[in-house]
Amino acid sequence: MARPIVNIKKPVLSEEEKNTQKLDQLKSELAQNADGISDTIKLLQELHDSGILEAVQALVEAKEKVTKIALGQLTRPPVTNTINNAMAMAEAVSDIDPAMTKKLVSSLSNGLQKAEEGLQKNEKVGLLDLYKAMNDPDINRAIGFGLNLLKGMGEGLKK
């Protein structure tokens, strides 16, 4: 009867054998990805030729200084005010009904077109014209909208 195997010895590779294995694996990967590696080399050459690679390299080397400068700029009051205002605007816009926004923008566009036509006519507007305009349902609707808008803004400003 044969003796049972008690010790399993893993082959111990020398440093040279490990390097040879790594090189063989690298050669295999290079062969499998030749097109991608070729494109990457072309890209790096273009970046080098244009000077961008040097700029990126300098930026990476000076990352600590660049980070300090960037943070210093971001914490300036005008920048923080801008960020806070943008966030407040986003919050306010999210409360508005999109259908109403679309209707308002469309109406504004139409109003600007009519205003342009009025400028082309270059007619003087008198008090009697204003009185007649109040009887126009479209103008009356816009004035009512504007008055209600001002009322709502006033109520909001009181808070």
N, C-alpha and C. Protein backbone atom coordinates (compact mmCIF):
# COMPACT_ATOMS: atom_id res chain seq x y z
N MET A 1 0.82 -1.17 0.00
CA MET A 1 0.00 0.00 0.00
C MET A 1 0.87 1.25 0.00
N ALA A 2 0.37 2.29 -0.70
CA ALA A 2 1.15 3.53 -0.80
C ALA A 2 1.00 4.36 0.44
N ARG A 3 1.96 5.17 0.66
CA ARG A 3 1.91 6.05 1.83
C ARG A 3 1.02 7.26 1.53
N PRO A 4 0.26 7.73 2.50
CA PRO A 4 -0.55 8.92 2.29
C PRO A 4 0.35 10.18 2.18
N ILE A 5 -0.12 11.12 1.36
CA ILE A 5 0.64 12.36 1.22
C ILE A 5 0.34 13.24 2.42
N VAL A 6 1.38 13.60 3.09
CA VAL A 6 1.20 14.39 4.30
C VAL A 6 1.62 15.84 4.07
N ASN A 7 2.61 16.04 3.34
CA ASN A 7 3.11 17.40 3.08
C ASN A 7 2.91 17.74 1.61
N ILE A 8 2.30 18.90 1.39
CA ILE A 8 2.19 19.39 0.03
C ILE A 8 3.09 20.61 -0.07
N LYS A 9 4.04 20.53 -0.95
CA LYS A 9 4.99 21.62 -1.10
C LYS A 9 4.64 22.40 -2.35
N LYS A 10 4.42 23.67 -2.14
CA LYS A 10 4.19 24.54 -3.28
C LYS A 10 5.53 24.86 -3.88
N PRO A 11 5.55 24.93 -5.21
CA PRO A 11 6.84 25.29 -5.81
C PRO A 11 7.18 26.74 -5.46
N VAL A 12 8.36 26.93 -4.97
CA VAL A 12 8.81 28.27 -4.62
C VAL A 12 9.52 28.84 -5.84
N LEU A 13 8.95 29.93 -6.33
CA LEU A 13 9.51 30.56 -7.52
C LEU A 13 10.55 31.59 -7.13
N SER A 14 11.60 31.61 -7.89
CA SER A 14 12.62 32.62 -7.65
C SER A 14 12.10 33.96 -8.18
N GLU A 15 12.80 35.00 -7.84
CA GLU A 15 12.42 36.34 -8.29
C GLU A 15 12.44 36.42 -9.81
N GLU A 16 13.40 35.79 -10.41
CA GLU A 16 13.52 35.80 -11.87
C GLU A 16 12.34 35.06 -12.51
N GLU A 17 11.92 33.95 -11.92
CA GLU A 17 10.79 33.19 -12.46
C GLU A 17 9.48 33.99 -12.31
N LYS A 18 9.34 34.69 -11.20
CA LYS A 18 8.16 35.54 -11.00
C LYS A 18 8.11 36.63 -12.06
N ASN A 19 9.24 37.26 -12.29
CA ASN A 19 9.32 38.33 -13.30
C ASN A 19 9.00 37.78 -14.69
N THR A 20 9.48 36.59 -14.99
CA THR A 20 9.21 35.96 -16.28
C THR A 20 7.72 35.69 -16.44
N GLN A 21 7.09 35.20 -15.38
CA GLN A 21 5.64 34.95 -15.42
C GLN A 21 4.87 36.26 -15.64
N LYS A 22 5.28 37.29 -14.93
CA LYS A 22 4.61 38.59 -15.07
C LYS A 22 4.77 39.13 -16.49
N LEU A 23 5.96 39.00 -17.05
CA LEU A 23 6.20 39.46 -18.42
C LEU A 23 5.36 38.69 -19.43
N ASP A 24 5.26 37.37 -19.22
CA ASP A 24 4.44 36.55 -20.12
C ASP A 24 2.97 36.98 -20.05
N GLN A 25 2.49 37.23 -18.85
CA GLN A 25 1.10 37.66 -18.67
C GLN A 25 0.89 39.04 -19.32
N LEU A 26 1.85 39.93 -19.14
CA LEU A 26 1.77 41.27 -19.72
C LEU A 26 1.78 41.19 -21.25
N LYS A 27 2.62 40.33 -21.82
CA LYS A 27 2.65 40.16 -23.27
C LYS A 27 1.30 39.67 -23.78
N SER A 28 0.72 38.75 -23.06
CA SER A 28 -0.58 38.21 -23.45
C SER A 28 -1.65 39.32 -23.43
N GLU A 29 -1.66 40.13 -22.38
CA GLU A 29 -2.63 41.22 -22.27
C GLU A 29 -2.40 42.27 -23.35
N LEU A 30 -1.14 42.55 -23.66
CA LEU A 30 -0.81 43.51 -24.72
C LEU A 30 -1.33 43.01 -26.07
N ALA A 31 -1.16 41.74 -26.32
CA ALA A 31 -1.62 41.17 -27.59
C ALA A 31 -3.14 41.22 -27.69
N GLN A 32 -3.83 40.98 -26.58
CA GLN A 32 -5.29 40.98 -26.59
C GLN A 32 -5.87 42.39 -26.75
N ASN A 33 -5.16 43.40 -26.28
CA ASN A 33 -5.68 44.77 -26.28
C ASN A 33 -4.82 45.71 -27.13
N ALA A 34 -4.28 45.21 -28.20
CA ALA A 34 -3.35 45.98 -29.03
C ALA A 34 -3.98 47.26 -29.57
N ASP A 35 -5.23 47.19 -30.06
CA ASP A 35 -5.87 48.37 -30.65
C ASP A 35 -6.07 49.47 -29.61
N GLY A 36 -6.57 49.10 -28.45
CA GLY A 36 -6.81 50.09 -27.39
C GLY A 36 -5.52 50.73 -26.91
N ILE A 37 -4.49 49.93 -26.79
CA ILE A 37 -3.20 50.45 -26.33
C ILE A 37 -2.61 51.38 -27.39
N SER A 38 -2.75 51.02 -28.64
CA SER A 38 -2.26 51.86 -29.73
C SER A 38 -2.98 53.21 -29.73
N ASP A 39 -4.31 53.19 -29.56
CA ASP A 39 -5.08 54.43 -29.50
C ASP A 39 -4.68 55.28 -28.30
N THR A 40 -4.43 54.63 -27.18
CA THR A 40 -4.02 55.35 -25.97
C THR A 40 -2.67 56.03 -26.18
N ILE A 41 -1.77 55.35 -26.83
CA ILE A 41 -0.44 55.93 -27.10
C ILE A 41 -0.59 57.14 -28.03
N LYS A 42 -1.45 57.03 -29.05
CA LYS A 42 -1.69 58.16 -29.95
C LYS A 42 -2.27 59.34 -29.19
N LEU A 43 -3.22 59.06 -28.30
CA LEU A 43 -3.84 60.12 -27.50
C LEU A 43 -2.80 60.81 -26.62
N LEU A 44 -1.98 60.01 -25.96
CA LEU A 44 -0.94 60.58 -25.10
C LEU A 44 0.03 61.44 -25.92
N GLN A 45 0.36 60.99 -27.13
CA GLN A 45 1.26 61.76 -27.98
C GLN A 45 0.63 63.10 -28.37
N GLU A 46 -0.66 63.07 -28.71
CA GLU A 46 -1.37 64.31 -29.05
C GLU A 46 -1.40 65.26 -27.86
N LEU A 47 -1.68 64.72 -26.68
CA LEU A 47 -1.69 65.55 -25.46
C LEU A 47 -0.31 66.13 -25.19
N HIS A 48 0.71 65.34 -25.43
CA HIS A 48 2.08 65.81 -25.23
C HIS A 48 2.43 66.90 -26.24
N ASP A 49 2.10 66.67 -27.51
CA ASP A 49 2.41 67.64 -28.56
C ASP A 49 1.71 68.98 -28.32
N SER A 50 0.48 68.94 -27.80
CA SER A 50 -0.27 70.17 -27.59
C SER A 50 0.10 70.88 -26.28
N GLY A 51 0.86 70.21 -25.43
CA GLY A 51 1.27 70.82 -24.16
C GLY A 51 0.30 70.57 -23.02
N ILE A 52 -0.81 69.93 -23.33
CA ILE A 52 -1.81 69.67 -22.30
C ILE A 52 -1.29 68.68 -21.27
N LEU A 53 -0.53 67.69 -21.74
CA LEU A 53 -0.01 66.67 -20.83
C LEU A 53 0.89 67.30 -19.77
N GLU A 54 1.74 68.24 -20.19
CA GLU A 54 2.62 68.93 -19.23
C GLU A 54 1.81 69.73 -18.22
N ALA A 55 0.76 70.40 -18.71
CA ALA A 55 -0.08 71.20 -17.82
C ALA A 55 -0.77 70.31 -16.79
N VAL A 56 -1.29 69.17 -17.26
CA VAL A 56 -1.96 68.24 -16.34
C VAL A 56 -0.96 67.68 -15.33
N GLN A 57 0.24 67.36 -15.82
CA GLN A 57 1.28 66.84 -14.95
C GLN A 57 1.63 67.87 -13.86
N ALA A 58 1.78 69.12 -14.26
CA ALA A 58 2.11 70.18 -13.30
C ALA A 58 0.96 70.37 -12.30
N LEU A 59 -0.27 70.25 -12.80
CA LEU A 59 -1.44 70.38 -11.94
C LEU A 59 -1.47 69.27 -10.90
N VAL A 60 -1.17 68.06 -11.32
CA VAL A 60 -1.16 66.92 -10.40
C VAL A 60 -0.04 67.07 -9.37
N GLU A 61 1.12 67.54 -9.83
CA GLU A 61 2.24 67.72 -8.90
C GLU A 61 1.95 68.81 -7.87
N ALA A 62 1.18 69.82 -8.27
CA ALA A 62 0.87 70.93 -7.37
C ALA A 62 -0.52 70.79 -6.77
N LYS A 63 -1.02 69.55 -6.65
CA LYS A 63 -2.40 69.32 -6.22
C LYS A 63 -2.73 69.95 -4.88
N GLU A 64 -1.81 69.95 -3.95
CA GLU A 64 -2.08 70.52 -2.63
C GLU A 64 -2.28 72.02 -2.72
N LYS A 65 -1.42 72.69 -3.48
CA LYS A 65 -1.53 74.14 -3.64
C LYS A 65 -2.81 74.49 -4.40
N VAL A 66 -3.10 73.72 -5.46
CA VAL A 66 -4.29 73.97 -6.27
C VAL A 66 -5.55 73.77 -5.43
N THR A 67 -5.57 72.75 -4.60
CA THR A 67 -6.72 72.49 -3.74
C THR A 67 -6.94 73.64 -2.78
N LYS A 68 -5.86 74.15 -2.19
CA LYS A 68 -5.99 75.28 -1.26
C LYS A 68 -6.55 76.51 -1.98
N ILE A 69 -6.06 76.77 -3.18
CA ILE A 69 -6.53 77.93 -3.94
C ILE A 69 -8.01 77.76 -4.29
N ALA A 70 -8.37 76.57 -4.77
CA ALA A 70 -9.76 76.31 -5.17
C ALA A 70 -10.70 76.45 -3.98
N LEU A 71 -10.31 75.88 -2.84
CA LEU A 71 -11.15 76.00 -1.64
C LEU A 71 -11.24 77.44 -1.17
N GLY A 72 -10.14 78.16 -1.28
CA GLY A 72 -10.15 79.57 -0.91
C GLY A 72 -11.11 80.36 -1.78
N GLN A 73 -11.13 80.06 -3.08
CA GLN A 73 -12.04 80.76 -4.01
C GLN A 73 -13.49 80.37 -3.75
N LEU A 74 -13.74 79.10 -3.46
CA LEU A 74 -15.10 78.63 -3.25
C LEU A 74 -15.72 79.16 -1.96
N THR A 75 -14.90 79.49 -0.98
CA THR A 75 -15.43 79.96 0.30
C THR A 75 -15.54 81.47 0.38
N ARG A 76 -15.24 82.17 -0.71
CA ARG A 76 -15.41 83.62 -0.74
C ARG A 76 -16.90 83.95 -0.66
N PRO A 77 -17.26 85.04 0.03
CA PRO A 77 -18.69 85.39 0.16
C PRO A 77 -19.45 85.51 -1.17
N PRO A 78 -18.91 86.11 -2.22
CA PRO A 78 -19.70 86.18 -3.45
C PRO A 78 -20.04 84.79 -4.01
N VAL A 79 -19.10 83.85 -3.88
CA VAL A 79 -19.35 82.50 -4.41
C VAL A 79 -20.38 81.79 -3.55
N THR A 80 -20.25 81.88 -2.24
CA THR A 80 -21.23 81.22 -1.36
C THR A 80 -22.61 81.86 -1.53
N ASN A 81 -22.65 83.19 -1.73
CA ASN A 81 -23.94 83.84 -1.98
C ASN A 81 -24.56 83.32 -3.27
N THR A 82 -23.75 83.17 -4.30
CA THR A 82 -24.25 82.66 -5.58
C THR A 82 -24.81 81.25 -5.41
N ILE A 83 -24.08 80.41 -4.70
CA ILE A 83 -24.54 79.03 -4.47
C ILE A 83 -25.85 79.03 -3.68
N ASN A 84 -25.91 79.84 -2.63
CA ASN A 84 -27.13 79.91 -1.82
C ASN A 84 -28.31 80.45 -2.64
N ASN A 85 -28.05 81.47 -3.46
CA ASN A 85 -29.12 82.02 -4.31
C ASN A 85 -29.60 80.99 -5.32
N ALA A 86 -28.68 80.25 -5.91
CA ALA A 86 -29.06 79.22 -6.88
C ALA A 86 -29.91 78.15 -6.22
N MET A 87 -29.54 77.76 -5.01
CA MET A 87 -30.32 76.75 -4.29
C MET A 87 -31.71 77.28 -3.95
N ALA A 88 -31.79 78.55 -3.53
CA ALA A 88 -33.08 79.15 -3.20
C ALA A 88 -33.96 79.25 -4.45
N MET A 89 -33.35 79.63 -5.58
CA MET A 89 -34.10 79.73 -6.83
C MET A 89 -34.62 78.34 -7.25
N ALA A 90 -33.77 77.34 -7.12
CA ALA A 90 -34.18 75.98 -7.48
C ALA A 90 -35.34 75.52 -6.61
N GLU A 91 -35.29 75.86 -5.34
CA GLU A 91 -36.37 75.48 -4.43
C GLU A 91 -37.66 76.21 -4.80
N ALA A 92 -37.54 77.50 -5.12
CA ALA A 92 -38.73 78.28 -5.49
C ALA A 92 -39.33 77.78 -6.79
N VAL A 93 -38.48 77.49 -7.76
CA VAL A 93 -38.97 77.01 -9.06
C VAL A 93 -39.62 75.64 -8.91
N SER A 94 -39.14 74.83 -8.00
CA SER A 94 -39.73 73.50 -7.82
C SER A 94 -41.14 73.58 -7.25
N ASP A 95 -41.49 74.71 -6.60
CA ASP A 95 -42.84 74.88 -6.06
C ASP A 95 -43.85 75.33 -7.11
N ILE A 96 -43.35 75.84 -8.24
CA ILE A 96 -44.24 76.37 -9.28
C ILE A 96 -44.73 75.24 -10.18
N ASP A 97 -46.01 75.30 -10.52
CA ASP A 97 -46.61 74.32 -11.42
C ASP A 97 -46.00 74.49 -12.82
N PRO A 98 -45.43 73.43 -13.39
CA PRO A 98 -44.80 73.54 -14.72
C PRO A 98 -45.76 74.02 -15.80
N ALA A 99 -47.02 73.64 -15.71
CA ALA A 99 -47.99 74.07 -16.72
C ALA A 99 -48.16 75.59 -16.65
N MET A 100 -48.17 76.13 -15.43
CA MET A 100 -48.31 77.58 -15.26
C MET A 100 -47.06 78.29 -15.79
N THR A 101 -45.89 77.73 -15.54
CA THR A 101 -44.65 78.32 -16.05
C THR A 101 -44.66 78.34 -17.57
N LYS A 102 -45.09 77.25 -18.18
CA LYS A 102 -45.15 77.18 -19.64
C LYS A 102 -46.12 78.22 -20.18
N LYS A 103 -47.27 78.33 -19.54
CA LYS A 103 -48.28 79.30 -19.97
C LYS A 103 -47.75 80.73 -19.83
N LEU A 104 -47.07 81.02 -18.73
CA LEU A 104 -46.54 82.35 -18.47
C LEU A 104 -45.44 82.71 -19.48
N VAL A 105 -44.55 81.78 -19.76
CA VAL A 105 -43.46 82.03 -20.71
C VAL A 105 -44.03 82.22 -22.11
N SER A 106 -45.01 81.42 -22.47
CA SER A 106 -45.65 81.55 -23.77
C SER A 106 -46.34 82.91 -23.89
N SER A 107 -47.04 83.32 -22.83
CA SER A 107 -47.71 84.62 -22.82
C SER A 107 -46.71 85.75 -22.91
N LEU A 108 -45.60 85.62 -22.22
CA LEU A 108 -44.55 86.64 -22.25
C LEU A 108 -43.99 86.77 -23.66
N SER A 109 -43.77 85.64 -24.31
CA SER A 109 -43.26 85.65 -25.68
C SER A 109 -44.24 86.35 -26.61
N ASN A 110 -45.51 86.02 -26.46
CA ASN A 110 -46.55 86.65 -27.28
C ASN A 110 -46.61 88.15 -26.99
N GLY A 111 -46.50 88.53 -25.72
CA GLY A 111 -46.52 89.94 -25.33
C GLY A 111 -45.34 90.71 -25.91
N LEU A 112 -44.17 90.09 -25.92
CA LEU A 112 -42.99 90.75 -26.49
C LEU A 112 -43.16 90.96 -27.99
N GLN A 113 -43.80 90.00 -28.64
CA GLN A 113 -44.04 90.13 -30.08
C GLN A 113 -44.99 91.30 -30.35
N LYS A 114 -46.07 91.40 -29.56
CA LYS A 114 -47.02 92.50 -29.72
C LYS A 114 -46.34 93.84 -29.41
N ALA A 115 -45.48 93.85 -28.39
CA ALA A 115 -44.77 95.09 -28.03
C ALA A 115 -43.87 95.54 -29.17
N GLU A 116 -43.21 94.59 -29.82
CA GLU A 116 -42.35 94.91 -30.96
C GLU A 116 -43.17 95.51 -32.10
N GLU A 117 -44.35 94.93 -32.35
CA GLU A 117 -45.23 95.47 -33.39
C GLU A 117 -45.65 96.90 -33.04
N GLY A 118 -45.95 97.13 -31.76
CA GLY A 118 -46.34 98.47 -31.32
C GLY A 118 -45.22 99.48 -31.49
N LEU A 119 -43.99 99.05 -31.24
CA LEU A 119 -42.85 99.94 -31.43
C LEU A 119 -42.68 100.32 -32.89
N GLN A 120 -42.96 99.38 -33.78
CA GLN A 120 -42.82 99.65 -35.21
C GLN A 120 -43.83 100.72 -35.67
N LYS A 121 -45.03 100.72 -35.08
CA LYS A 121 -46.06 101.70 -35.45
C LYS A 121 -45.69 103.10 -34.99
N ASN A 122 -45.00 103.19 -33.83
CA ASN A 122 -44.54 104.47 -33.28
C ASN A 122 -45.70 105.44 -33.08
N GLU A 123 -46.80 104.94 -32.51
CA GLU A 123 -47.97 105.78 -32.24
C GLU A 123 -47.93 106.29 -30.80
N LYS A 124 -48.41 107.52 -30.62
CA LYS A 124 -48.49 108.11 -29.29
C LYS A 124 -49.72 107.55 -28.58
N VAL A 125 -49.58 107.22 -27.31
CA VAL A 125 -50.68 106.68 -26.52
C VAL A 125 -51.17 107.77 -25.58
N GLY A 126 -52.45 108.05 -25.66
CA GLY A 126 -53.04 109.08 -24.80
C GLY A 126 -53.86 108.46 -23.69
N LEU A 127 -54.42 109.33 -22.84
CA LEU A 127 -55.24 108.87 -21.71
C LEU A 127 -56.50 108.15 -22.21
N LEU A 128 -57.08 108.64 -23.26
CA LEU A 128 -58.27 108.00 -23.81
C LEU A 128 -57.94 106.59 -24.32
N ASP A 129 -56.76 106.44 -24.89
CA ASP A 129 -56.32 105.11 -25.35
C ASP A 129 -56.17 104.15 -24.17
N LEU A 130 -55.65 104.66 -23.05
CA LEU A 130 -55.51 103.82 -21.85
C LEU A 130 -56.88 103.42 -21.32
N TYR A 131 -57.83 104.37 -21.33
CA TYR A 131 -59.17 104.07 -20.85
C TYR A 131 -59.82 103.00 -21.74
N LYS A 132 -59.67 103.13 -23.05
CA LYS A 132 -60.22 102.14 -23.98
C LYS A 132 -59.55 100.78 -23.78
N ALA A 133 -58.25 100.80 -23.49
CA ALA A 133 -57.51 99.56 -23.29
C ALA A 133 -58.03 98.79 -22.09
N MET A 134 -58.51 99.53 -21.07
CA MET A 134 -59.03 98.85 -19.87
C MET A 134 -60.26 98.00 -20.21
N ASN A 135 -60.98 98.35 -21.26
CA ASN A 135 -62.15 97.58 -21.66
C ASN A 135 -61.79 96.37 -22.52
N ASP A 136 -60.54 96.30 -22.98
CA ASP A 136 -60.08 95.14 -23.76
C ASP A 136 -59.91 93.97 -22.80
N PRO A 137 -60.59 92.84 -23.04
CA PRO A 137 -60.52 91.70 -22.10
C PRO A 137 -59.10 91.15 -21.91
N ASP A 138 -58.29 91.16 -22.97
CA ASP A 138 -56.93 90.63 -22.84
C ASP A 138 -56.08 91.53 -21.94
N ILE A 139 -56.18 92.84 -22.16
CA ILE A 139 -55.41 93.77 -21.33
C ILE A 139 -55.92 93.73 -19.89
N ASN A 140 -57.24 93.65 -19.72
CA ASN A 140 -57.81 93.59 -18.38
C ASN A 140 -57.33 92.34 -17.65
N ARG A 141 -57.26 91.22 -18.38
CA ARG A 141 -56.79 89.96 -17.78
C ARG A 141 -55.33 90.09 -17.33
N ALA A 142 -54.50 90.71 -18.18
CA ALA A 142 -53.07 90.88 -17.84
C ALA A 142 -52.90 91.83 -16.66
N ILE A 143 -53.70 92.91 -16.62
CA ILE A 143 -53.61 93.84 -15.48
C ILE A 143 -54.06 93.16 -14.20
N GLY A 144 -55.14 92.38 -14.29
CA GLY A 144 -55.61 91.63 -13.11
C GLY A 144 -54.54 90.65 -12.63
N PHE A 145 -53.92 89.96 -13.59
CA PHE A 145 -52.84 89.02 -13.24
C PHE A 145 -51.70 89.76 -12.53
N GLY A 146 -51.31 90.89 -13.10
CA GLY A 146 -50.22 91.68 -12.51
C GLY A 146 -50.56 92.18 -11.12
N LEU A 147 -51.81 92.64 -10.92
CA LEU A 147 -52.22 93.13 -9.60
C LEU A 147 -52.22 92.00 -8.57
N ASN A 148 -52.72 90.83 -8.99
CA ASN A 148 -52.71 89.68 -8.07
C ASN A 148 -51.29 89.21 -7.78
N LEU A 149 -50.42 89.29 -8.80
CA LEU A 149 -49.01 88.96 -8.59
C LEU A 149 -48.39 89.89 -7.55
N LEU A 150 -48.64 91.18 -7.71
CA LEU A 150 -48.11 92.16 -6.75
C LEU A 150 -48.68 91.94 -5.35
N LYS A 151 -49.97 91.59 -5.26
CA LYS A 151 -50.60 91.31 -3.97
C LYS A 151 -49.91 90.13 -3.29
N GLY A 152 -49.69 89.06 -4.05
CA GLY A 152 -49.03 87.88 -3.49
C GLY A 152 -47.60 88.18 -3.08
N MET A 153 -46.88 88.96 -3.88
CA MET A 153 -45.51 89.33 -3.52
C MET A 153 -45.51 90.14 -2.23
N GLY A 154 -46.45 91.06 -2.11
CA GLY A 154 -46.55 91.89 -0.89
C GLY A 154 -46.82 91.04 0.34
N GLU A 155 -47.71 90.06 0.19
CA GLU A 155 -47.99 89.17 1.31
C GLU A 155 -46.75 88.36 1.69
N GLY A 156 -46.03 87.92 0.66
CA GLY A 156 -44.80 87.15 0.91
C GLY A 156 -43.73 87.99 1.57
N LEU A 157 -43.64 89.25 1.20
CA LEU A 157 -42.63 90.14 1.78
C LEU A 157 -42.95 90.49 3.24
N LYS A 158 -44.22 90.38 3.63
CA LYS A 158 -44.62 90.70 4.99
C LYS A 158 -44.11 89.66 5.99
N LYS A 159 -43.94 88.43 5.52
CA LYS A 159 -43.55 87.31 6.41
C LYS A 159 -42.15 87.46 6.89
